[in-house]
C-alpha cells in the first residue's frame, strides 16, 4: 500500500477541489489541468514518502481519504458540467450514467477489500493478468485519459459515457477474478500471489 507523506498536501487538495468546481461549470480543460496537477502532486508525495520511509498518521488518513472519496465527485461534476458546455444529458440518463460509475467504483473497492480480507493480499497481485489489469482498471488515472481523449473530439458527454462503460467492464473483471479465487480455494488449492 502506498504511504502518504508526512503532512497533508494543501496544494494538491486545493487542486483536487478546484478540478471539481471547474468540471461542474463545464470548464473541462482547466479542470483537467487542475486534476493532472493534483495527480502529479499526489504521486510525488507518495513516492517521497516511500523513498524516505516517512509518513504520519494524519498524512496517511488525509491522503488515502482524498484518493478514495474524490473520484465519484469528479465524475458527477463532469456530468453536471455538460449543461454549461452545451451537451447536457436528460436527467434520468445522467443519473444512470453517474450511478453506474459510482456503484461500479464502490463495488470494485468492496471486492478488493473482500479479497484482501479473505486471501491476505491485494487482488491486483494474485496473477500477472491482475497486475497488468491494475494499470488500466477504471480508476482516476485511466478515466482521466478517456475523458481527455473525448475532449480532444469536443465530446465530454461521450467521455463520461465511456467512463461508465469502462467502470462496468472493470467491475465484471474484478467480480470474475474474486469468483475464480473462491472456486480455487473451494477445491482446496492455495490462492497465492504470482510475486511470491
N, C-alpha and C. Protein backbone atom coordinates (compact mmCIF):
# COMPACT_ATOMS: atom_id res chain seq x y z
N UNK A 1 0.85 -1.18 0.00
CA UNK A 1 0.00 0.00 0.00
C UNK A 1 0.89 1.23 0.00
N UNK A 2 0.53 2.21 -0.77
CA UNK A 2 1.31 3.43 -0.86
C UNK A 2 1.27 4.17 0.47
N UNK A 3 2.39 4.72 0.83
CA UNK A 3 2.44 5.54 2.03
C UNK A 3 2.06 6.96 1.66
N UNK A 4 1.56 7.66 2.63
CA UNK A 4 1.27 9.07 2.43
C UNK A 4 2.41 9.88 3.02
N UNK A 5 2.45 11.12 2.65
CA UNK A 5 3.51 11.98 3.13
C UNK A 5 3.37 12.29 4.60
N UNK A 6 4.37 12.97 5.09
CA UNK A 6 4.38 13.33 6.49
C UNK A 6 3.23 14.26 6.84
N UNK A 7 2.94 15.17 5.93
CA UNK A 7 1.88 16.13 6.18
C UNK A 7 0.93 16.12 4.98
N UNK A 8 -0.34 16.46 5.22
CA UNK A 8 -1.26 16.59 4.10
C UNK A 8 -0.76 17.64 3.11
N UNK A 9 -1.02 17.43 1.85
CA UNK A 9 -0.57 18.36 0.81
C UNK A 9 -1.70 19.35 0.52
N UNK A 10 -1.62 20.57 1.07
CA UNK A 10 -2.72 21.52 0.87
C UNK A 10 -2.86 21.97 -0.58
N UNK A 11 -1.75 22.09 -1.32
CA UNK A 11 -1.84 22.50 -2.72
C UNK A 11 -2.54 21.42 -3.53
N UNK A 12 -2.16 20.17 -3.31
CA UNK A 12 -2.81 19.07 -4.02
C UNK A 12 -4.30 19.01 -3.71
N UNK A 13 -4.64 19.16 -2.44
CA UNK A 13 -6.05 19.14 -2.05
C UNK A 13 -6.81 20.30 -2.69
N UNK A 14 -6.18 21.47 -2.75
CA UNK A 14 -6.83 22.63 -3.38
C UNK A 14 -7.06 22.38 -4.86
N UNK A 15 -6.09 21.76 -5.54
CA UNK A 15 -6.25 21.45 -6.96
C UNK A 15 -7.35 20.40 -7.17
N UNK A 16 -7.45 19.45 -6.26
CA UNK A 16 -8.50 18.43 -6.33
C UNK A 16 -9.88 19.08 -6.24
N UNK A 17 -10.04 19.98 -5.29
CA UNK A 17 -11.32 20.68 -5.13
C UNK A 17 -11.57 21.61 -6.31
N UNK A 18 -10.53 22.29 -6.78
CA UNK A 18 -10.68 23.18 -7.94
C UNK A 18 -11.14 22.41 -9.16
N UNK A 19 -10.58 21.22 -9.37
CA UNK A 19 -10.99 20.40 -10.52
C UNK A 19 -12.47 20.10 -10.44
N UNK A 20 -12.96 19.78 -9.25
CA UNK A 20 -14.40 19.52 -9.08
C UNK A 20 -15.23 20.70 -9.56
N UNK A 21 -14.93 21.91 -9.08
CA UNK A 21 -15.73 23.08 -9.44
C UNK A 21 -15.56 23.45 -10.92
N UNK A 22 -14.38 23.25 -11.45
CA UNK A 22 -14.16 23.54 -12.87
C UNK A 22 -14.96 22.58 -13.74
N UNK A 23 -14.93 21.29 -13.41
CA UNK A 23 -15.73 20.31 -14.15
C UNK A 23 -17.21 20.66 -14.04
N UNK A 24 -17.65 21.01 -12.84
CA UNK A 24 -19.07 21.31 -12.59
C UNK A 24 -19.55 22.47 -13.46
N UNK A 25 -18.66 23.41 -13.74
CA UNK A 25 -19.04 24.57 -14.54
C UNK A 25 -18.74 24.40 -16.03
N UNK A 26 -18.34 23.19 -16.42
CA UNK A 26 -18.09 22.91 -17.83
C UNK A 26 -16.78 23.45 -18.35
N UNK A 27 -15.88 23.86 -17.48
CA UNK A 27 -14.56 24.33 -17.88
C UNK A 27 -13.59 23.14 -17.84
N UNK A 28 -13.81 22.25 -18.78
CA UNK A 28 -13.15 20.95 -18.71
C UNK A 28 -11.63 21.00 -18.85
N UNK A 29 -11.13 21.78 -19.80
CA UNK A 29 -9.68 21.80 -19.99
C UNK A 29 -8.97 22.37 -18.77
N UNK A 30 -9.53 23.41 -18.19
CA UNK A 30 -8.93 23.97 -16.98
C UNK A 30 -9.04 22.97 -15.83
N UNK A 31 -10.18 22.29 -15.76
CA UNK A 31 -10.36 21.25 -14.74
C UNK A 31 -9.38 20.11 -14.91
N UNK A 32 -9.15 19.72 -16.16
CA UNK A 32 -8.18 18.65 -16.43
C UNK A 32 -6.79 19.08 -15.98
N UNK A 33 -6.43 20.34 -16.25
CA UNK A 33 -5.12 20.85 -15.82
C UNK A 33 -5.01 20.78 -14.29
N UNK A 34 -6.05 21.22 -13.59
CA UNK A 34 -6.04 21.16 -12.12
C UNK A 34 -5.99 19.71 -11.66
N UNK A 35 -6.76 18.85 -12.32
CA UNK A 35 -6.79 17.44 -11.95
C UNK A 35 -5.44 16.77 -12.14
N UNK A 36 -4.80 17.05 -13.28
CA UNK A 36 -3.48 16.46 -13.51
C UNK A 36 -2.44 17.03 -12.54
N UNK A 37 -2.56 18.31 -12.19
CA UNK A 37 -1.67 18.88 -11.18
C UNK A 37 -1.83 18.16 -9.85
N UNK A 38 -3.07 17.92 -9.47
CA UNK A 38 -3.34 17.17 -8.24
C UNK A 38 -2.75 15.77 -8.32
N UNK A 39 -2.95 15.10 -9.45
CA UNK A 39 -2.48 13.73 -9.61
C UNK A 39 -0.95 13.66 -9.52
N UNK A 40 -0.26 14.62 -10.12
CA UNK A 40 1.20 14.64 -10.05
C UNK A 40 1.66 14.85 -8.61
N UNK A 41 1.07 15.83 -7.92
CA UNK A 41 1.46 16.09 -6.54
C UNK A 41 1.17 14.90 -5.65
N UNK A 42 0.04 14.24 -5.89
CA UNK A 42 -0.34 13.06 -5.11
C UNK A 42 0.68 11.93 -5.31
N UNK A 43 1.10 11.74 -6.55
CA UNK A 43 2.08 10.69 -6.86
C UNK A 43 3.44 11.02 -6.26
N UNK A 44 3.88 12.27 -6.41
CA UNK A 44 5.18 12.69 -5.88
C UNK A 44 5.21 12.53 -4.37
N UNK A 45 4.13 12.92 -3.71
CA UNK A 45 4.04 12.81 -2.25
C UNK A 45 4.21 11.35 -1.82
N UNK A 46 3.51 10.45 -2.51
CA UNK A 46 3.63 9.03 -2.18
C UNK A 46 5.02 8.47 -2.44
N UNK A 47 5.62 8.87 -3.57
CA UNK A 47 6.97 8.40 -3.89
C UNK A 47 7.99 8.91 -2.87
N UNK A 48 7.87 10.18 -2.50
CA UNK A 48 8.79 10.73 -1.50
C UNK A 48 8.65 10.02 -0.17
N UNK A 49 7.41 9.71 0.20
CA UNK A 49 7.19 9.00 1.47
C UNK A 49 7.84 7.63 1.43
N UNK A 50 7.71 6.93 0.30
CA UNK A 50 8.33 5.60 0.17
C UNK A 50 9.86 5.70 0.18
N UNK A 51 10.39 6.69 -0.54
CA UNK A 51 11.85 6.84 -0.63
C UNK A 51 12.47 7.21 0.70
N UNK A 52 11.79 8.04 1.47
CA UNK A 52 12.35 8.50 2.74
C UNK A 52 11.89 7.65 3.92
N UNK A 53 10.90 6.77 3.69
CA UNK A 53 10.38 5.93 4.77
C UNK A 53 9.64 6.74 5.82
N UNK A 54 9.11 7.89 5.43
CA UNK A 54 8.42 8.76 6.38
C UNK A 54 6.95 8.87 6.03
N UNK A 55 6.15 8.80 7.04
CA UNK A 55 4.72 9.07 6.89
C UNK A 55 4.19 9.43 8.27
N UNK A 56 3.01 9.97 8.29
CA UNK A 56 2.38 10.28 9.57
C UNK A 56 0.96 9.73 9.54
N UNK A 57 0.42 9.54 10.69
CA UNK A 57 -0.96 9.02 10.79
C UNK A 57 -1.92 9.96 10.06
N UNK A 58 -1.82 11.27 10.34
CA UNK A 58 -2.73 12.23 9.72
C UNK A 58 -2.50 12.32 8.22
N UNK A 59 -1.24 12.33 7.80
CA UNK A 59 -0.93 12.37 6.37
C UNK A 59 -1.49 11.15 5.66
N UNK A 60 -1.40 9.99 6.28
CA UNK A 60 -1.92 8.76 5.71
C UNK A 60 -3.44 8.82 5.57
N UNK A 61 -4.12 9.21 6.63
CA UNK A 61 -5.59 9.31 6.61
C UNK A 61 -6.03 10.32 5.55
N UNK A 62 -5.41 11.48 5.55
CA UNK A 62 -5.78 12.54 4.62
C UNK A 62 -5.56 12.10 3.17
N UNK A 63 -4.37 11.57 2.88
CA UNK A 63 -4.01 11.19 1.52
C UNK A 63 -4.93 10.10 0.99
N UNK A 64 -5.08 9.04 1.76
CA UNK A 64 -5.91 7.93 1.30
C UNK A 64 -7.40 8.30 1.29
N UNK A 65 -7.79 9.14 2.22
CA UNK A 65 -9.19 9.59 2.23
C UNK A 65 -9.54 10.39 1.00
N UNK A 66 -8.67 11.33 0.63
CA UNK A 66 -8.90 12.13 -0.57
C UNK A 66 -8.89 11.23 -1.81
N UNK A 67 -7.92 10.31 -1.88
CA UNK A 67 -7.83 9.40 -3.02
C UNK A 67 -9.08 8.54 -3.16
N UNK A 68 -9.64 8.12 -2.05
CA UNK A 68 -10.81 7.24 -2.07
C UNK A 68 -12.09 7.99 -2.40
N UNK A 69 -12.23 9.20 -1.89
CA UNK A 69 -13.51 9.91 -1.97
C UNK A 69 -13.68 10.76 -3.22
N UNK A 70 -12.62 11.38 -3.73
CA UNK A 70 -12.82 12.40 -4.76
C UNK A 70 -13.29 11.88 -6.12
N UNK A 71 -12.89 10.69 -6.60
CA UNK A 71 -13.26 10.33 -7.98
C UNK A 71 -14.76 10.37 -8.29
N UNK A 72 -15.62 9.77 -7.45
CA UNK A 72 -17.05 9.86 -7.80
C UNK A 72 -17.57 11.31 -7.89
N UNK A 73 -17.03 12.18 -7.06
CA UNK A 73 -17.44 13.58 -7.11
C UNK A 73 -16.97 14.25 -8.41
N UNK A 74 -15.77 13.92 -8.85
CA UNK A 74 -15.29 14.46 -10.12
C UNK A 74 -16.20 14.03 -11.26
N UNK A 75 -16.56 12.76 -11.30
CA UNK A 75 -17.36 12.26 -12.44
C UNK A 75 -18.78 12.85 -12.40
N UNK A 76 -19.32 13.03 -11.20
CA UNK A 76 -20.64 13.68 -11.10
C UNK A 76 -20.54 15.13 -11.57
N UNK A 77 -19.49 15.82 -11.13
CA UNK A 77 -19.31 17.22 -11.55
C UNK A 77 -19.14 17.30 -13.07
N UNK A 78 -18.42 16.36 -13.65
CA UNK A 78 -18.22 16.33 -15.11
C UNK A 78 -19.58 16.23 -15.81
N UNK A 79 -20.43 15.34 -15.34
CA UNK A 79 -21.74 15.17 -15.99
C UNK A 79 -22.62 16.41 -15.79
N UNK A 80 -22.52 17.05 -14.64
CA UNK A 80 -23.27 18.29 -14.40
C UNK A 80 -22.77 19.41 -15.30
N UNK A 81 -21.46 19.43 -15.55
CA UNK A 81 -20.87 20.47 -16.39
C UNK A 81 -21.30 20.40 -17.85
N UNK A 82 -21.87 19.28 -18.25
CA UNK A 82 -22.33 19.15 -19.64
C UNK A 82 -23.40 20.19 -19.98
N UNK A 83 -24.17 20.61 -18.99
CA UNK A 83 -25.20 21.65 -19.21
C UNK A 83 -24.55 22.94 -19.67
N UNK A 84 -23.53 23.38 -18.93
CA UNK A 84 -22.84 24.62 -19.28
C UNK A 84 -22.08 24.46 -20.59
N UNK A 85 -21.58 23.27 -20.87
CA UNK A 85 -20.81 23.01 -22.08
C UNK A 85 -21.70 22.99 -23.32
N UNK A 86 -22.98 22.71 -23.12
CA UNK A 86 -23.92 22.68 -24.24
C UNK A 86 -24.26 21.29 -24.74
N UNK A 87 -23.92 20.26 -23.98
CA UNK A 87 -24.24 18.88 -24.35
C UNK A 87 -24.85 18.14 -23.15
N UNK A 88 -25.93 18.69 -22.59
CA UNK A 88 -26.48 18.07 -21.37
C UNK A 88 -27.15 16.73 -21.65
N UNK A 89 -27.12 15.89 -20.63
CA UNK A 89 -27.87 14.64 -20.66
C UNK A 89 -29.29 14.91 -20.17
N UNK A 90 -30.22 14.09 -20.59
CA UNK A 90 -31.53 14.06 -19.94
C UNK A 90 -31.28 13.63 -18.50
N UNK A 91 -32.03 14.17 -17.57
CA UNK A 91 -31.74 13.99 -16.15
C UNK A 91 -31.69 12.51 -15.74
N UNK A 92 -32.66 11.73 -16.17
CA UNK A 92 -32.69 10.32 -15.79
C UNK A 92 -31.47 9.59 -16.36
N UNK A 93 -31.12 9.91 -17.58
CA UNK A 93 -29.96 9.28 -18.20
C UNK A 93 -28.68 9.66 -17.46
N UNK A 94 -28.57 10.92 -17.07
CA UNK A 94 -27.41 11.37 -16.31
C UNK A 94 -27.29 10.58 -15.01
N UNK A 95 -28.42 10.40 -14.33
CA UNK A 95 -28.40 9.64 -13.08
C UNK A 95 -27.98 8.19 -13.31
N UNK A 96 -28.39 7.62 -14.43
CA UNK A 96 -27.99 6.25 -14.75
C UNK A 96 -26.49 6.17 -15.03
N UNK A 97 -25.97 7.12 -15.79
CA UNK A 97 -24.55 7.12 -16.13
C UNK A 97 -23.70 7.31 -14.86
N UNK A 98 -24.02 8.33 -14.10
CA UNK A 98 -23.26 8.61 -12.88
C UNK A 98 -23.47 7.48 -11.86
N UNK A 99 -24.69 6.97 -11.79
CA UNK A 99 -24.97 5.85 -10.88
C UNK A 99 -24.14 4.63 -11.21
N UNK A 100 -23.99 4.34 -12.51
CA UNK A 100 -23.16 3.20 -12.92
C UNK A 100 -21.71 3.40 -12.51
N UNK A 101 -21.22 4.63 -12.67
CA UNK A 101 -19.83 4.91 -12.30
C UNK A 101 -19.63 4.78 -10.79
N UNK A 102 -20.50 5.42 -10.02
CA UNK A 102 -20.34 5.41 -8.56
C UNK A 102 -20.56 4.00 -8.00
N UNK A 103 -21.63 3.33 -8.43
CA UNK A 103 -21.89 1.97 -7.93
C UNK A 103 -20.76 1.03 -8.33
N UNK A 104 -20.29 1.15 -9.56
CA UNK A 104 -19.20 0.30 -10.02
C UNK A 104 -17.92 0.56 -9.25
N UNK A 105 -17.63 1.83 -8.99
CA UNK A 105 -16.44 2.21 -8.24
C UNK A 105 -16.49 1.63 -6.82
N UNK A 106 -17.63 1.81 -6.15
CA UNK A 106 -17.78 1.32 -4.78
C UNK A 106 -17.72 -0.21 -4.76
N UNK A 107 -18.41 -0.86 -5.71
CA UNK A 107 -18.41 -2.32 -5.74
C UNK A 107 -17.01 -2.88 -5.97
N UNK A 108 -16.23 -2.22 -6.83
CA UNK A 108 -14.85 -2.68 -7.04
C UNK A 108 -14.02 -2.55 -5.76
N UNK A 109 -14.22 -1.47 -5.05
CA UNK A 109 -13.48 -1.29 -3.79
C UNK A 109 -13.90 -2.36 -2.77
N UNK A 110 -15.18 -2.70 -2.75
CA UNK A 110 -15.66 -3.75 -1.84
C UNK A 110 -15.03 -5.10 -2.22
N UNK A 111 -15.01 -5.40 -3.51
CA UNK A 111 -14.39 -6.65 -3.97
C UNK A 111 -12.92 -6.70 -3.57
N UNK A 112 -12.22 -5.59 -3.74
CA UNK A 112 -10.81 -5.53 -3.36
C UNK A 112 -10.66 -5.79 -1.86
N UNK A 113 -11.54 -5.19 -1.05
CA UNK A 113 -11.50 -5.39 0.40
C UNK A 113 -11.78 -6.84 0.79
N UNK A 114 -12.76 -7.45 0.14
CA UNK A 114 -13.07 -8.86 0.41
C UNK A 114 -11.86 -9.73 0.08
N UNK A 115 -11.23 -9.46 -1.05
CA UNK A 115 -10.09 -10.26 -1.48
C UNK A 115 -8.95 -10.14 -0.47
N UNK A 116 -8.66 -8.92 -0.03
CA UNK A 116 -7.59 -8.72 0.95
C UNK A 116 -7.92 -9.46 2.25
N UNK A 117 -9.13 -9.34 2.69
CA UNK A 117 -9.53 -9.97 3.96
C UNK A 117 -9.49 -11.50 3.86
N UNK A 118 -9.94 -12.02 2.74
CA UNK A 118 -10.02 -13.46 2.56
C UNK A 118 -8.68 -14.11 2.25
N UNK A 119 -7.85 -13.42 1.46
CA UNK A 119 -6.61 -14.06 0.97
C UNK A 119 -5.33 -13.38 1.45
N UNK A 120 -5.46 -12.29 2.17
CA UNK A 120 -4.28 -11.65 2.75
C UNK A 120 -3.38 -10.93 1.75
N UNK A 121 -3.92 -10.64 0.59
CA UNK A 121 -3.15 -9.91 -0.43
C UNK A 121 -4.13 -9.11 -1.28
N UNK A 122 -3.60 -8.14 -1.98
CA UNK A 122 -4.43 -7.33 -2.86
C UNK A 122 -4.79 -8.12 -4.10
N UNK A 123 -5.98 -7.94 -4.60
CA UNK A 123 -6.45 -8.67 -5.78
C UNK A 123 -5.53 -8.45 -6.98
N UNK A 124 -4.88 -7.30 -7.04
CA UNK A 124 -4.05 -6.98 -8.20
C UNK A 124 -2.67 -7.61 -8.18
N UNK A 125 -2.39 -8.42 -7.17
CA UNK A 125 -1.12 -9.16 -7.16
C UNK A 125 -1.34 -10.67 -7.19
N UNK A 126 -2.58 -11.10 -7.39
CA UNK A 126 -2.84 -12.54 -7.40
C UNK A 126 -2.14 -13.20 -8.60
N UNK A 127 -2.51 -12.81 -9.79
CA UNK A 127 -1.91 -13.36 -11.01
C UNK A 127 -1.36 -12.20 -11.84
N UNK A 128 -0.51 -12.53 -12.76
CA UNK A 128 0.10 -11.50 -13.59
C UNK A 128 -0.95 -10.68 -14.35
N UNK A 129 -2.01 -11.34 -14.80
CA UNK A 129 -3.08 -10.63 -15.52
C UNK A 129 -3.72 -9.57 -14.62
N UNK A 130 -3.81 -9.87 -13.33
CA UNK A 130 -4.40 -8.92 -12.39
C UNK A 130 -3.51 -7.69 -12.22
N UNK A 131 -2.19 -7.93 -12.16
CA UNK A 131 -1.25 -6.80 -12.06
C UNK A 131 -1.29 -5.94 -13.31
N UNK A 132 -1.40 -6.58 -14.45
CA UNK A 132 -1.49 -5.81 -15.70
C UNK A 132 -2.80 -5.05 -15.78
N UNK A 133 -3.88 -5.69 -15.37
CA UNK A 133 -5.18 -5.01 -15.43
C UNK A 133 -5.24 -3.81 -14.50
N UNK A 134 -4.49 -3.86 -13.40
CA UNK A 134 -4.45 -2.74 -12.45
C UNK A 134 -4.03 -1.45 -13.13
N UNK A 135 -3.20 -1.56 -14.18
CA UNK A 135 -2.72 -0.38 -14.88
C UNK A 135 -3.82 0.34 -15.66
N UNK A 136 -4.87 -0.39 -16.01
CA UNK A 136 -5.93 0.20 -16.84
C UNK A 136 -7.31 0.14 -16.22
N UNK A 137 -7.42 -0.44 -15.02
CA UNK A 137 -8.74 -0.58 -14.41
C UNK A 137 -9.38 0.79 -14.19
N UNK A 138 -10.70 0.80 -14.13
CA UNK A 138 -11.45 2.06 -14.05
C UNK A 138 -11.22 2.75 -12.71
N UNK A 139 -10.21 3.56 -12.67
CA UNK A 139 -9.92 4.43 -11.54
C UNK A 139 -9.61 5.80 -12.10
N UNK A 140 -9.16 6.67 -11.25
CA UNK A 140 -8.98 8.07 -11.64
C UNK A 140 -8.10 8.24 -12.88
N UNK A 141 -6.90 7.70 -12.88
CA UNK A 141 -5.96 7.99 -13.97
C UNK A 141 -6.43 7.47 -15.33
N UNK A 142 -6.80 6.19 -15.45
CA UNK A 142 -7.31 5.74 -16.76
C UNK A 142 -8.59 6.47 -17.18
N UNK A 143 -9.44 6.78 -16.21
CA UNK A 143 -10.67 7.51 -16.54
C UNK A 143 -10.36 8.91 -17.07
N UNK A 144 -9.35 9.55 -16.48
CA UNK A 144 -8.97 10.88 -16.97
C UNK A 144 -8.45 10.79 -18.41
N UNK A 145 -7.73 9.74 -18.73
CA UNK A 145 -7.25 9.56 -20.11
C UNK A 145 -8.44 9.45 -21.06
N UNK A 146 -9.42 8.66 -20.68
CA UNK A 146 -10.64 8.51 -21.50
C UNK A 146 -11.30 9.87 -21.71
N UNK A 147 -11.44 10.64 -20.64
CA UNK A 147 -12.11 11.94 -20.72
C UNK A 147 -11.33 12.93 -21.58
N UNK A 148 -10.01 12.92 -21.45
CA UNK A 148 -9.19 13.84 -22.25
C UNK A 148 -9.29 13.49 -23.74
N UNK A 149 -9.26 12.21 -24.06
CA UNK A 149 -9.40 11.82 -25.47
C UNK A 149 -10.75 12.28 -26.00
N UNK A 150 -11.81 12.12 -25.21
CA UNK A 150 -13.13 12.58 -25.63
C UNK A 150 -13.16 14.10 -25.81
N UNK A 151 -12.46 14.81 -24.92
CA UNK A 151 -12.39 16.27 -25.03
C UNK A 151 -11.69 16.71 -26.31
N UNK A 152 -10.70 15.95 -26.73
CA UNK A 152 -10.00 16.28 -27.98
C UNK A 152 -10.97 16.30 -29.16
N UNK A 153 -12.02 15.49 -29.04
CA UNK A 153 -13.06 15.45 -30.07
C UNK A 153 -14.27 16.31 -29.70
N UNK A 154 -14.11 17.14 -28.66
CA UNK A 154 -15.16 18.03 -28.17
C UNK A 154 -16.43 17.28 -27.80
N UNK A 155 -16.25 16.10 -27.18
CA UNK A 155 -17.38 15.27 -26.78
C UNK A 155 -17.23 14.81 -25.33
N UNK A 156 -17.28 15.76 -24.38
CA UNK A 156 -17.19 15.35 -22.98
C UNK A 156 -18.34 14.44 -22.55
N UNK A 157 -19.48 14.54 -23.26
CA UNK A 157 -20.61 13.68 -22.96
C UNK A 157 -20.28 12.22 -23.28
N UNK A 158 -19.67 11.98 -24.43
CA UNK A 158 -19.26 10.63 -24.79
C UNK A 158 -18.18 10.14 -23.83
N UNK A 159 -17.31 11.04 -23.40
CA UNK A 159 -16.26 10.66 -22.46
C UNK A 159 -16.81 10.08 -21.18
N UNK A 160 -17.81 10.74 -20.59
CA UNK A 160 -18.35 10.23 -19.32
C UNK A 160 -19.15 8.95 -19.55
N UNK A 161 -19.75 8.81 -20.72
CA UNK A 161 -20.42 7.54 -21.05
C UNK A 161 -19.39 6.41 -21.14
N UNK A 162 -18.24 6.71 -21.74
CA UNK A 162 -17.19 5.69 -21.86
C UNK A 162 -16.60 5.34 -20.49
N UNK A 163 -16.52 6.32 -19.61
CA UNK A 163 -16.06 6.04 -18.24
C UNK A 163 -17.05 5.09 -17.55
N UNK A 164 -18.34 5.32 -17.75
CA UNK A 164 -19.36 4.43 -17.17
C UNK A 164 -19.21 3.02 -17.73
N UNK A 165 -19.05 2.92 -19.02
CA UNK A 165 -18.89 1.62 -19.66
C UNK A 165 -17.63 0.91 -19.15
N UNK A 166 -16.52 1.64 -19.09
CA UNK A 166 -15.27 1.04 -18.63
C UNK A 166 -15.36 0.63 -17.16
N UNK A 167 -16.11 1.39 -16.36
CA UNK A 167 -16.30 1.04 -14.95
C UNK A 167 -17.06 -0.28 -14.84
N UNK A 168 -18.08 -0.46 -15.66
CA UNK A 168 -18.85 -1.72 -15.63
C UNK A 168 -17.97 -2.89 -16.07
N UNK A 169 -17.18 -2.70 -17.14
CA UNK A 169 -16.28 -3.76 -17.61
C UNK A 169 -15.27 -4.11 -16.51
N UNK A 170 -14.71 -3.10 -15.86
CA UNK A 170 -13.74 -3.34 -14.78
C UNK A 170 -14.39 -4.06 -13.60
N UNK A 171 -15.61 -3.70 -13.28
CA UNK A 171 -16.34 -4.37 -12.20
C UNK A 171 -16.54 -5.84 -12.53
N UNK A 172 -16.94 -6.13 -13.75
CA UNK A 172 -17.15 -7.53 -14.16
C UNK A 172 -15.83 -8.30 -14.04
N UNK A 173 -14.74 -7.71 -14.50
CA UNK A 173 -13.44 -8.36 -14.41
C UNK A 173 -13.11 -8.71 -12.96
N UNK A 174 -13.26 -7.74 -12.05
CA UNK A 174 -12.94 -7.98 -10.65
C UNK A 174 -13.86 -9.01 -10.01
N UNK A 175 -15.14 -8.97 -10.35
CA UNK A 175 -16.09 -9.94 -9.80
C UNK A 175 -15.74 -11.35 -10.26
N UNK A 176 -15.37 -11.49 -11.53
CA UNK A 176 -14.98 -12.80 -12.06
C UNK A 176 -13.70 -13.30 -11.38
N UNK A 177 -12.75 -12.41 -11.18
CA UNK A 177 -11.49 -12.81 -10.54
C UNK A 177 -11.72 -13.24 -9.09
N UNK A 178 -12.59 -12.56 -8.37
CA UNK A 178 -12.92 -12.97 -7.00
C UNK A 178 -13.60 -14.34 -7.02
N UNK A 179 -14.53 -14.54 -7.93
CA UNK A 179 -15.22 -15.83 -8.04
C UNK A 179 -14.23 -16.94 -8.38
N UNK A 180 -13.26 -16.66 -9.24
CA UNK A 180 -12.26 -17.66 -9.60
C UNK A 180 -11.38 -18.01 -8.41
N UNK A 181 -11.00 -17.02 -7.63
CA UNK A 181 -10.20 -17.28 -6.43
C UNK A 181 -10.99 -18.10 -5.43
N UNK A 182 -12.26 -17.77 -5.26
CA UNK A 182 -13.12 -18.53 -4.34
C UNK A 182 -13.25 -19.98 -4.80
N UNK A 183 -13.43 -20.19 -6.10
CA UNK A 183 -13.56 -21.55 -6.63
C UNK A 183 -12.27 -22.34 -6.41
N UNK A 184 -11.15 -21.66 -6.59
CA UNK A 184 -9.85 -22.31 -6.38
C UNK A 184 -9.71 -22.72 -4.92
N UNK A 185 -10.05 -21.83 -4.02
CA UNK A 185 -9.98 -22.14 -2.59
C UNK A 185 -10.92 -23.29 -2.23
N UNK A 186 -12.14 -23.27 -2.81
CA UNK A 186 -13.12 -24.33 -2.52
C UNK A 186 -12.64 -25.70 -3.00
N UNK A 187 -11.78 -25.74 -4.00
CA UNK A 187 -11.21 -27.00 -4.48
C UNK A 187 -9.98 -27.42 -3.68
N UNK A 188 -9.66 -26.63 -2.65
CA UNK A 188 -8.53 -26.96 -1.80
C UNK A 188 -7.19 -26.53 -2.34
N UNK A 189 -7.19 -25.67 -3.33
CA UNK A 189 -5.94 -25.21 -3.93
C UNK A 189 -5.59 -23.83 -3.33
N UNK A 190 -4.31 -23.57 -3.13
CA UNK A 190 -3.91 -22.30 -2.50
C UNK A 190 -4.11 -21.11 -3.45
N UNK A 191 -4.44 -20.00 -2.85
CA UNK A 191 -4.53 -18.73 -3.60
C UNK A 191 -3.36 -17.88 -3.12
N UNK A 192 -2.31 -17.84 -3.95
CA UNK A 192 -1.09 -17.10 -3.58
C UNK A 192 -0.71 -16.16 -4.72
N UNK A 193 0.03 -15.14 -4.37
CA UNK A 193 0.45 -14.14 -5.35
C UNK A 193 1.47 -14.71 -6.32
N UNK A 194 1.38 -14.28 -7.55
CA UNK A 194 2.40 -14.67 -8.55
C UNK A 194 3.76 -14.07 -8.22
N UNK A 195 3.78 -13.07 -7.34
CA UNK A 195 5.03 -12.43 -6.95
C UNK A 195 5.74 -13.19 -5.81
N UNK A 196 5.01 -14.13 -5.20
CA UNK A 196 5.59 -14.87 -4.05
C UNK A 196 6.68 -15.82 -4.50
